[in-house]
C-alpha cells in the first residue's frame, strides 16, 4: 500500500497562516486575502533581520 504525500513548502504554510488570520479579522474575499498575504510576507521578508 502506498500513500501519496503532497509537498507543502514552508512559504506556502506561512501564506496560509497569514491568509487565515486576515480571513478571520476582515471581510476580504479569498483571492484578495491571498494576494494581501503574499504582499505582507514579501514586505516582512524584505525587512532586515536586525530591524525585525
Protein backbone atom coordinates (compact mmCIF):
# COMPACT_ATOMS: atom_id res chain seq x y z
CA UNK A 1 0.00 0.00 0.00
CA UNK A 2 1.42 3.36 -0.99
CA UNK A 3 0.41 6.79 0.16
CA UNK A 4 0.87 9.91 -1.91
CA UNK A 5 2.14 12.79 0.18
CA UNK A 6 1.82 16.27 -1.27
CA UNK A 7 4.77 18.55 -0.60
CA UNK A 8 3.88 21.88 1.01
CA UNK A 9 6.66 24.42 1.31
CA UNK A 10 7.25 26.45 4.46
CA UNK A 11 6.45 29.57 2.45
CA UNK A 12 3.06 28.16 1.45
CA UNK A 13 2.35 27.35 5.09
CA UNK A 14 3.23 30.93 6.07
CA UNK A 15 0.96 32.34 3.35
CA UNK A 16 -1.88 30.12 4.54
CA UNK A 17 -1.38 31.23 8.14
CA UNK A 18 -1.47 34.93 7.22
CA UNK A 19 -4.41 34.40 4.86
CA UNK A 20 -6.39 32.64 7.59
CA UNK A 21 -5.71 35.45 10.08
CA UNK A 22 -6.83 38.02 7.50
CA UNK A 23 -9.93 35.99 6.71
CA UNK A 24 -10.92 35.80 10.38
CA UNK A 25 -10.45 39.51 11.02
CA UNK A 26 -11.62 41.15 7.79
CA UNK A 27 -14.31 40.78 5.17
CA UNK A 28 -11.83 40.21 2.33
CA UNK A 29 -12.59 37.64 -0.34
CA UNK A 30 -10.39 34.55 -0.57
CA UNK A 31 -8.47 35.87 -3.57
CA UNK A 32 -7.99 39.32 -2.01
CA UNK A 33 -6.84 37.73 1.26
CA UNK A 34 -4.38 35.52 -0.62
CA UNK A 35 -2.96 38.49 -2.53
CA UNK A 36 -2.63 40.58 0.62
CA UNK A 37 -0.99 37.69 2.49
CA UNK A 38 1.63 37.34 -0.25
CA UNK A 39 2.29 41.10 -0.19
CA UNK A 40 2.60 41.14 3.60
CA UNK A 41 5.04 38.23 3.65
CA UNK A 42 7.12 39.78 0.88
CA UNK A 43 7.30 43.04 2.83
CA UNK A 44 8.20 41.33 6.10
CA UNK A 45 10.85 39.20 4.39
CA UNK A 46 12.46 42.29 2.84
CA UNK A 47 12.96 43.96 6.24
CA UNK A 48 16.46 43.41 7.55
CA UNK A 49 16.69 40.81 10.30
CA UNK A 50 18.21 43.20 12.83
CA UNK A 51 15.27 45.60 12.37
CA UNK A 52 12.58 42.99 12.98
